[in-house]
Each structure stands twice: as C-alpha cells, then as structure tokens.
All heavy atoms as atom14 arrays in JSON, in Angstrom:
{
  "sequence": "ALITGDVTTLMIFLADKVEIVDLLMLSVPAACAVAVLA",
  "atom14_mask": [
    [1, 1, 1, 1, 1, 0, 0, 0, 0, 0, 0, 0, 0, 0],
    [1, 1, 1, 1, 1, 1, 1, 1, 0, 0, 0, 0, 0, 0],
    [1, 1, 1, 1, 1, 1, 1, 1, 0, 0, 0, 0, 0, 0],
    [1, 1, 1, 1, 1, 1, 1, 0, 0, 0, 0, 0, 0, 0],
    [1, 1, 1, 1, 0, 0, 0, 0, 0, 0, 0, 0, 0, 0],
    [1, 1, 1, 1, 1, 1, 1, 1, 0, 0, 0, 0, 0, 0],
    [1, 1, 1, 1, 1, 1, 1, 0, 0, 0, 0, 0, 0, 0],
    [1, 1, 1, 1, 1, 1, 1, 0, 0, 0, 0, 0, 0, 0],
    [1, 1, 1, 1, 1, 1, 1, 0, 0, 0, 0, 0, 0, 0],
    [1, 1, 1, 1, 1, 1, 1, 1, 0, 0, 0, 0, 0, 0],
    [1, 1, 1, 1, 1, 1, 1, 1, 0, 0, 0, 0, 0, 0],
    [1, 1, 1, 1, 1, 1, 1, 1, 0, 0, 0, 0, 0, 0],
    [1, 1, 1, 1, 1, 1, 1, 1, 1, 1, 1, 0, 0, 0],
    [1, 1, 1, 1, 1, 1, 1, 1, 0, 0, 0, 0, 0, 0],
    [1, 1, 1, 1, 1, 0, 0, 0, 0, 0, 0, 0, 0, 0],
    [1, 1, 1, 1, 1, 1, 1, 1, 0, 0, 0, 0, 0, 0],
    [1, 1, 1, 1, 1, 1, 1, 1, 1, 0, 0, 0, 0, 0],
    [1, 1, 1, 1, 1, 1, 1, 0, 0, 0, 0, 0, 0, 0],
    [1, 1, 1, 1, 1, 1, 1, 1, 1, 0, 0, 0, 0, 0],
    [1, 1, 1, 1, 1, 1, 1, 1, 0, 0, 0, 0, 0, 0],
    [1, 1, 1, 1, 1, 1, 1, 0, 0, 0, 0, 0, 0, 0],
    [1, 1, 1, 1, 1, 1, 1, 1, 0, 0, 0, 0, 0, 0],
    [1, 1, 1, 1, 1, 1, 1, 1, 0, 0, 0, 0, 0, 0],
    [1, 1, 1, 1, 1, 1, 1, 1, 0, 0, 0, 0, 0, 0],
    [1, 1, 1, 1, 1, 1, 1, 1, 0, 0, 0, 0, 0, 0],
    [1, 1, 1, 1, 1, 1, 1, 1, 0, 0, 0, 0, 0, 0],
    [1, 1, 1, 1, 1, 1, 0, 0, 0, 0, 0, 0, 0, 0],
    [1, 1, 1, 1, 1, 1, 1, 0, 0, 0, 0, 0, 0, 0],
    [1, 1, 1, 1, 1, 1, 1, 0, 0, 0, 0, 0, 0, 0],
    [1, 1, 1, 1, 1, 0, 0, 0, 0, 0, 0, 0, 0, 0],
    [1, 1, 1, 1, 1, 0, 0, 0, 0, 0, 0, 0, 0, 0],
    [1, 1, 1, 1, 1, 1, 0, 0, 0, 0, 0, 0, 0, 0],
    [1, 1, 1, 1, 1, 0, 0, 0, 0, 0, 0, 0, 0, 0],
    [1, 1, 1, 1, 1, 1, 1, 0, 0, 0, 0, 0, 0, 0],
    [1, 1, 1, 1, 1, 0, 0, 0, 0, 0, 0, 0, 0, 0],
    [1, 1, 1, 1, 1, 1, 1, 0, 0, 0, 0, 0, 0, 0],
    [1, 1, 1, 1, 1, 1, 1, 1, 0, 0, 0, 0, 0, 0],
    [1, 1, 1, 1, 1, 0, 0, 0, 0, 0, 0, 0, 0, 0]
  ],
  "atom14_positions": [
    [[24.7, 8.39, -2.86], [23.57, 8.84, -3.67], [23.68, 10.4, -4.04], [22.83, 10.85, -4.86], [22.29, 8.73, -2.93], [0.0, 0.0, 0.0], [0.0, 0.0, 0.0], [0.0, 0.0, 0.0], [0.0, 0.0, 0.0], [0.0, 0.0, 0.0], [0.0, 0.0, 0.0], [0.0, 0.0, 0.0], [0.0, 0.0, 0.0], [0.0, 0.0, 0.0]],
    [[24.76, 10.99, -3.64], [24.97, 12.42, -3.98], [26.26, 12.59, -4.67], [27.29, 12.0, -4.21], [24.94, 13.25, -2.68], [23.66, 13.17, -1.84], [23.85, 13.96, -0.57], [22.57, 13.86, -2.64], [0.0, 0.0, 0.0], [0.0, 0.0, 0.0], [0.0, 0.0, 0.0], [0.0, 0.0, 0.0], [0.0, 0.0, 0.0], [0.0, 0.0, 0.0]],
    [[26.3, 13.43, -5.66], [27.58, 13.71, -6.39], [28.54, 14.45, -5.49], [29.72, 14.47, -5.81], [27.32, 14.44, -7.72], [26.6, 15.72, -7.46], [26.47, 13.61, -8.69], [26.48, 16.62, -8.71], [0.0, 0.0, 0.0], [0.0, 0.0, 0.0], [0.0, 0.0, 0.0], [0.0, 0.0, 0.0], [0.0, 0.0, 0.0], [0.0, 0.0, 0.0]],
    [[28.07, 15.11, -4.54], [28.88, 15.84, -3.55], [29.35, 14.95, -2.36], [30.23, 15.32, -1.58], [28.19, 17.0, -2.97], [27.0, 16.64, -2.31], [27.91, 18.07, -4.05], [0.0, 0.0, 0.0], [0.0, 0.0, 0.0], [0.0, 0.0, 0.0], [0.0, 0.0, 0.0], [0.0, 0.0, 0.0], [0.0, 0.0, 0.0], [0.0, 0.0, 0.0]],
    [[28.79, 13.71, -2.27], [29.08, 12.89, -1.14], [30.17, 11.88, -1.37], [30.77, 11.46, -0.38], [0.0, 0.0, 0.0], [0.0, 0.0, 0.0], [0.0, 0.0, 0.0], [0.0, 0.0, 0.0], [0.0, 0.0, 0.0], [0.0, 0.0, 0.0], [0.0, 0.0, 0.0], [0.0, 0.0, 0.0], [0.0, 0.0, 0.0], [0.0, 0.0, 0.0]],
    [[30.41, 11.48, -2.58], [31.48, 10.57, -2.87], [32.18, 10.85, -4.29], [31.35, 11.09, -5.25], [30.86, 9.18, -2.89], [32.01, 8.07, -2.79], [32.66, 7.9, -3.87], [32.21, 7.5, -1.79], [0.0, 0.0, 0.0], [0.0, 0.0, 0.0], [0.0, 0.0, 0.0], [0.0, 0.0, 0.0], [0.0, 0.0, 0.0], [0.0, 0.0, 0.0]],
    [[33.39, 10.85, -4.3], [34.11, 11.18, -5.6], [33.76, 10.19, -6.7], [33.56, 10.59, -7.81], [35.64, 11.21, -5.37], [36.36, 11.46, -6.66], [36.06, 12.25, -4.33], [0.0, 0.0, 0.0], [0.0, 0.0, 0.0], [0.0, 0.0, 0.0], [0.0, 0.0, 0.0], [0.0, 0.0, 0.0], [0.0, 0.0, 0.0], [0.0, 0.0, 0.0]],
    [[33.63, 8.88, -6.32], [33.3, 7.88, -7.34], [31.95, 8.07, -7.96], [31.73, 7.91, -9.15], [33.48, 6.46, -6.8], [32.69, 6.33, -5.54], [34.88, 6.14, -6.38], [0.0, 0.0, 0.0], [0.0, 0.0, 0.0], [0.0, 0.0, 0.0], [0.0, 0.0, 0.0], [0.0, 0.0, 0.0], [0.0, 0.0, 0.0], [0.0, 0.0, 0.0]],
    [[30.96, 8.49, -7.07], [29.63, 8.86, -7.57], [29.67, 10.01, -8.56], [29.05, 9.95, -9.61], [28.69, 9.14, -6.38], [28.63, 8.12, -5.51], [27.34, 9.51, -6.88], [0.0, 0.0, 0.0], [0.0, 0.0, 0.0], [0.0, 0.0, 0.0], [0.0, 0.0, 0.0], [0.0, 0.0, 0.0], [0.0, 0.0, 0.0], [0.0, 0.0, 0.0]],
    [[30.47, 11.02, -8.22], [30.67, 12.18, -9.1], [31.31, 11.73, -10.51], [30.84, 12.17, -11.55], [31.47, 13.22, -8.44], [31.8, 14.44, -9.28], [30.49, 15.2, -9.63], [32.72, 15.36, -8.52], [0.0, 0.0, 0.0], [0.0, 0.0, 0.0], [0.0, 0.0, 0.0], [0.0, 0.0, 0.0], [0.0, 0.0, 0.0], [0.0, 0.0, 0.0]],
    [[32.34, 10.89, -10.41], [32.99, 10.36, -11.57], [31.98, 9.66, -12.52], [31.98, 9.91, -13.77], [34.11, 9.51, -11.22], [35.3, 10.14, -10.52], [36.45, 9.02, -9.81], [37.09, 8.3, -11.28], [0.0, 0.0, 0.0], [0.0, 0.0, 0.0], [0.0, 0.0, 0.0], [0.0, 0.0, 0.0], [0.0, 0.0, 0.0], [0.0, 0.0, 0.0]],
    [[31.19, 8.78, -11.97], [30.25, 8.02, -12.77], [29.17, 8.93, -13.41], [28.71, 8.79, -14.5], [29.56, 6.89, -11.93], [30.67, 5.88, -11.55], [28.55, 6.24, -12.64], [30.23, 4.81, -10.58], [0.0, 0.0, 0.0], [0.0, 0.0, 0.0], [0.0, 0.0, 0.0], [0.0, 0.0, 0.0], [0.0, 0.0, 0.0], [0.0, 0.0, 0.0]],
    [[28.74, 9.91, -12.59], [27.73, 10.9, -13.06], [28.38, 11.73, -14.18], [27.68, 11.93, -15.31], [27.34, 11.79, -11.94], [26.55, 13.01, -12.42], [25.22, 12.93, -12.8], [27.09, 14.29, -12.4], [24.44, 13.99, -13.18], [26.44, 15.32, -12.81], [25.09, 15.22, -13.23], [0.0, 0.0, 0.0], [0.0, 0.0, 0.0], [0.0, 0.0, 0.0]],
    [[29.57, 12.22, -14.09], [30.2, 13.07, -15.08], [30.47, 12.29, -16.36], [30.58, 12.88, -17.46], [31.48, 13.64, -14.51], [31.36, 14.69, -13.45], [32.73, 15.2, -12.96], [30.53, 15.96, -13.89], [0.0, 0.0, 0.0], [0.0, 0.0, 0.0], [0.0, 0.0, 0.0], [0.0, 0.0, 0.0], [0.0, 0.0, 0.0], [0.0, 0.0, 0.0]],
    [[30.58, 10.99, -16.27], [30.75, 10.14, -17.47], [29.41, 9.84, -18.21], [29.46, 9.03, -19.08], [31.42, 8.81, -17.08], [0.0, 0.0, 0.0], [0.0, 0.0, 0.0], [0.0, 0.0, 0.0], [0.0, 0.0, 0.0], [0.0, 0.0, 0.0], [0.0, 0.0, 0.0], [0.0, 0.0, 0.0], [0.0, 0.0, 0.0], [0.0, 0.0, 0.0]],
    [[28.37, 10.49, -17.68], [26.98, 10.28, -18.32], [26.48, 8.88, -18.24], [25.77, 8.42, -19.1], [26.97, 10.75, -19.72], [27.23, 12.29, -19.86], [26.82, 13.04, -18.98], [27.9, 12.75, -20.81], [0.0, 0.0, 0.0], [0.0, 0.0, 0.0], [0.0, 0.0, 0.0], [0.0, 0.0, 0.0], [0.0, 0.0, 0.0], [0.0, 0.0, 0.0]],
    [[26.86, 8.18, -17.13], [26.42, 6.77, -17.0], [25.07, 6.8, -16.2], [24.29, 5.89, -16.31], [27.5, 5.89, -16.28], [28.76, 5.92, -16.97], [28.61, 5.4, -18.37], [30.04, 5.34, -19.04], [30.01, 4.82, -20.49], [0.0, 0.0, 0.0], [0.0, 0.0, 0.0], [0.0, 0.0, 0.0], [0.0, 0.0, 0.0], [0.0, 0.0, 0.0]],
    [[24.86, 7.76, -15.4], [23.61, 7.87, -14.48], [23.2, 9.3, -14.46], [23.97, 10.18, -14.68], [23.92, 7.29, -13.09], [24.22, 5.83, -13.06], [25.11, 8.14, -12.45], [0.0, 0.0, 0.0], [0.0, 0.0, 0.0], [0.0, 0.0, 0.0], [0.0, 0.0, 0.0], [0.0, 0.0, 0.0], [0.0, 0.0, 0.0], [0.0, 0.0, 0.0]],
    [[21.94, 9.49, -14.08], [21.32, 10.87, -13.94], [21.19, 11.11, -12.43], [21.17, 10.24, -11.62], [20.01, 10.99, -14.65], [20.11, 10.72, -16.19], [20.91, 11.84, -16.85], [20.99, 12.93, -16.31], [21.5, 11.59, -17.98], [0.0, 0.0, 0.0], [0.0, 0.0, 0.0], [0.0, 0.0, 0.0], [0.0, 0.0, 0.0], [0.0, 0.0, 0.0]],
    [[21.02, 12.43, -12.07], [20.82, 12.79, -10.67], [19.6, 12.06, -10.08], [19.71, 11.55, -8.98], [20.61, 14.36, -10.53], [21.88, 15.04, -10.91], [20.18, 14.64, -9.15], [22.96, 14.91, -9.9], [0.0, 0.0, 0.0], [0.0, 0.0, 0.0], [0.0, 0.0, 0.0], [0.0, 0.0, 0.0], [0.0, 0.0, 0.0], [0.0, 0.0, 0.0]],
    [[18.51, 11.96, -10.74], [17.31, 11.28, -10.26], [17.58, 9.81, -10.0], [17.08, 9.28, -8.98], [16.11, 11.47, -11.28], [14.89, 10.7, -10.71], [15.78, 12.91, -11.44], [0.0, 0.0, 0.0], [0.0, 0.0, 0.0], [0.0, 0.0, 0.0], [0.0, 0.0, 0.0], [0.0, 0.0, 0.0], [0.0, 0.0, 0.0], [0.0, 0.0, 0.0]],
    [[18.42, 9.25, -10.9], [18.74, 7.79, -10.69], [19.53, 7.59, -9.47], [19.48, 6.71, -8.65], [19.42, 7.31, -11.87], [18.61, 7.32, -13.2], [17.41, 7.11, -13.19], [19.18, 7.83, -14.23], [0.0, 0.0, 0.0], [0.0, 0.0, 0.0], [0.0, 0.0, 0.0], [0.0, 0.0, 0.0], [0.0, 0.0, 0.0], [0.0, 0.0, 0.0]],
    [[20.48, 8.5, -9.25], [21.4, 8.45, -8.09], [20.61, 8.63, -6.81], [20.91, 7.92, -5.84], [22.45, 9.47, -8.18], [23.61, 9.25, -9.17], [24.53, 10.52, -9.26], [24.4, 8.07, -8.84], [0.0, 0.0, 0.0], [0.0, 0.0, 0.0], [0.0, 0.0, 0.0], [0.0, 0.0, 0.0], [0.0, 0.0, 0.0], [0.0, 0.0, 0.0]],
    [[19.65, 9.53, -6.83], [18.87, 9.73, -5.54], [18.17, 8.46, -5.08], [17.94, 8.28, -3.91], [17.85, 10.88, -5.76], [18.48, 12.27, -5.87], [17.37, 13.28, -6.2], [19.26, 12.64, -4.68], [0.0, 0.0, 0.0], [0.0, 0.0, 0.0], [0.0, 0.0, 0.0], [0.0, 0.0, 0.0], [0.0, 0.0, 0.0], [0.0, 0.0, 0.0]],
    [[17.89, 7.59, -6.05], [17.22, 6.28, -5.67], [18.13, 5.48, -4.8], [17.74, 4.63, -4.01], [16.92, 5.49, -6.94], [15.76, 6.13, -7.82], [15.24, 4.93, -9.06], [16.76, 4.46, -9.84], [0.0, 0.0, 0.0], [0.0, 0.0, 0.0], [0.0, 0.0, 0.0], [0.0, 0.0, 0.0], [0.0, 0.0, 0.0], [0.0, 0.0, 0.0]],
    [[19.47, 5.68, -5.01], [20.45, 4.83, -4.24], [20.4, 5.07, -2.72], [20.74, 4.21, -1.98], [21.83, 5.24, -4.68], [22.47, 4.41, -5.85], [23.83, 4.95, -6.14], [22.61, 2.95, -5.48], [0.0, 0.0, 0.0], [0.0, 0.0, 0.0], [0.0, 0.0, 0.0], [0.0, 0.0, 0.0], [0.0, 0.0, 0.0], [0.0, 0.0, 0.0]],
    [[19.78, 6.2, -2.34], [19.72, 6.46, -0.85], [18.84, 5.44, -0.19], [19.02, 5.18, 0.99], [19.13, 7.87, -0.58], [17.88, 8.03, -1.16], [0.0, 0.0, 0.0], [0.0, 0.0, 0.0], [0.0, 0.0, 0.0], [0.0, 0.0, 0.0], [0.0, 0.0, 0.0], [0.0, 0.0, 0.0], [0.0, 0.0, 0.0], [0.0, 0.0, 0.0]],
    [[17.78, 4.87, -0.93], [16.9, 3.92, -0.32], [17.66, 2.6, 0.01], [17.65, 2.12, 1.16], [15.65, 3.76, -1.13], [14.76, 2.64, -0.57], [14.93, 4.98, -1.37], [0.0, 0.0, 0.0], [0.0, 0.0, 0.0], [0.0, 0.0, 0.0], [0.0, 0.0, 0.0], [0.0, 0.0, 0.0], [0.0, 0.0, 0.0], [0.0, 0.0, 0.0]],
    [[18.22, 1.94, -0.99], [18.91, 0.62, -0.66], [20.15, 0.92, 0.29], [20.45, 0.02, 1.04], [19.36, 0.18, -2.05], [19.34, 1.25, -2.95], [18.28, 2.14, -2.39], [0.0, 0.0, 0.0], [0.0, 0.0, 0.0], [0.0, 0.0, 0.0], [0.0, 0.0, 0.0], [0.0, 0.0, 0.0], [0.0, 0.0, 0.0], [0.0, 0.0, 0.0]],
    [[20.78, 2.07, 0.13], [21.94, 2.28, 0.97], [21.56, 2.42, 2.43], [22.19, 1.83, 3.32], [22.69, 3.52, 0.47], [0.0, 0.0, 0.0], [0.0, 0.0, 0.0], [0.0, 0.0, 0.0], [0.0, 0.0, 0.0], [0.0, 0.0, 0.0], [0.0, 0.0, 0.0], [0.0, 0.0, 0.0], [0.0, 0.0, 0.0], [0.0, 0.0, 0.0]],
    [[20.46, 3.13, 2.69], [19.95, 3.26, 4.04], [19.42, 1.89, 4.55], [19.65, 1.61, 5.75], [18.82, 4.33, 4.04], [0.0, 0.0, 0.0], [0.0, 0.0, 0.0], [0.0, 0.0, 0.0], [0.0, 0.0, 0.0], [0.0, 0.0, 0.0], [0.0, 0.0, 0.0], [0.0, 0.0, 0.0], [0.0, 0.0, 0.0], [0.0, 0.0, 0.0]],
    [[18.78, 1.07, 3.71], [18.37, -0.24, 4.16], [19.48, -1.13, 4.55], [19.44, -1.84, 5.45], [17.59, -0.83, 3.02], [15.94, -0.08, 2.77], [0.0, 0.0, 0.0], [0.0, 0.0, 0.0], [0.0, 0.0, 0.0], [0.0, 0.0, 0.0], [0.0, 0.0, 0.0], [0.0, 0.0, 0.0], [0.0, 0.0, 0.0], [0.0, 0.0, 0.0]],
    [[20.65, -1.02, 3.79], [21.8, -1.73, 4.08], [22.37, -1.38, 5.44], [22.78, -2.31, 6.24], [22.89, -1.58, 2.96], [0.0, 0.0, 0.0], [0.0, 0.0, 0.0], [0.0, 0.0, 0.0], [0.0, 0.0, 0.0], [0.0, 0.0, 0.0], [0.0, 0.0, 0.0], [0.0, 0.0, 0.0], [0.0, 0.0, 0.0], [0.0, 0.0, 0.0]],
    [[22.42, -0.02, 5.71], [22.83, 0.4, 7.09], [21.94, -0.15, 8.2], [22.34, -0.61, 9.2], [22.8, 1.96, 7.18], [23.16, 2.42, 8.54], [23.91, 2.52, 6.15], [0.0, 0.0, 0.0], [0.0, 0.0, 0.0], [0.0, 0.0, 0.0], [0.0, 0.0, 0.0], [0.0, 0.0, 0.0], [0.0, 0.0, 0.0], [0.0, 0.0, 0.0]],
    [[20.62, -0.23, 7.94], [19.64, -0.72, 8.89], [19.9, -2.18, 9.12], [19.81, -2.64, 10.33], [18.22, -0.44, 8.4], [0.0, 0.0, 0.0], [0.0, 0.0, 0.0], [0.0, 0.0, 0.0], [0.0, 0.0, 0.0], [0.0, 0.0, 0.0], [0.0, 0.0, 0.0], [0.0, 0.0, 0.0], [0.0, 0.0, 0.0], [0.0, 0.0, 0.0]],
    [[20.16, -2.95, 8.09], [20.42, -4.36, 8.18], [21.68, -4.61, 9.04], [21.65, -5.47, 9.92], [20.62, -5.02, 6.82], [21.24, -6.4, 6.92], [19.34, -5.06, 6.03], [0.0, 0.0, 0.0], [0.0, 0.0, 0.0], [0.0, 0.0, 0.0], [0.0, 0.0, 0.0], [0.0, 0.0, 0.0], [0.0, 0.0, 0.0], [0.0, 0.0, 0.0]],
    [[22.66, -3.8, 8.85], [23.9, -3.96, 9.69], [23.62, -3.58, 11.13], [24.12, -4.24, 12.06], [25.0, -3.14, 9.08], [26.39, -3.2, 9.84], [26.93, -4.62, 9.86], [27.41, -2.27, 9.19], [0.0, 0.0, 0.0], [0.0, 0.0, 0.0], [0.0, 0.0, 0.0], [0.0, 0.0, 0.0], [0.0, 0.0, 0.0], [0.0, 0.0, 0.0]],
    [[22.9, -2.52, 11.28], [22.54, -2.03, 12.68], [21.76, -3.2, 13.41], [22.12, -3.47, 14.64], [21.7, -0.81, 12.64], [0.0, 0.0, 0.0], [0.0, 0.0, 0.0], [0.0, 0.0, 0.0], [0.0, 0.0, 0.0], [0.0, 0.0, 0.0], [0.0, 0.0, 0.0], [0.0, 0.0, 0.0], [0.0, 0.0, 0.0], [0.0, 0.0, 0.0]]
  ]
}
C-alpha cells in the first residue's frame, strides 16, 4: 500500500495508474489477508 514499501507499487503509481489515496486502501485487504493466514 506504500510507494516506498514495494518497487512494483511505485512503478504502477509512477505510471499514473493509481493515486496515493487509492493505494492506501490496499492496506485494509492486505492486512485482512494476513489475518486470514494467521
């Protein structure tokens, strides 16, 4: 969910495919996926 956290996230952001606010939403489903695995 952070452009500093993953190179591919930064690449997609720099290509103007997503905005920072949109990316921050990813933290919710990503955290939920971790909880499911746990």
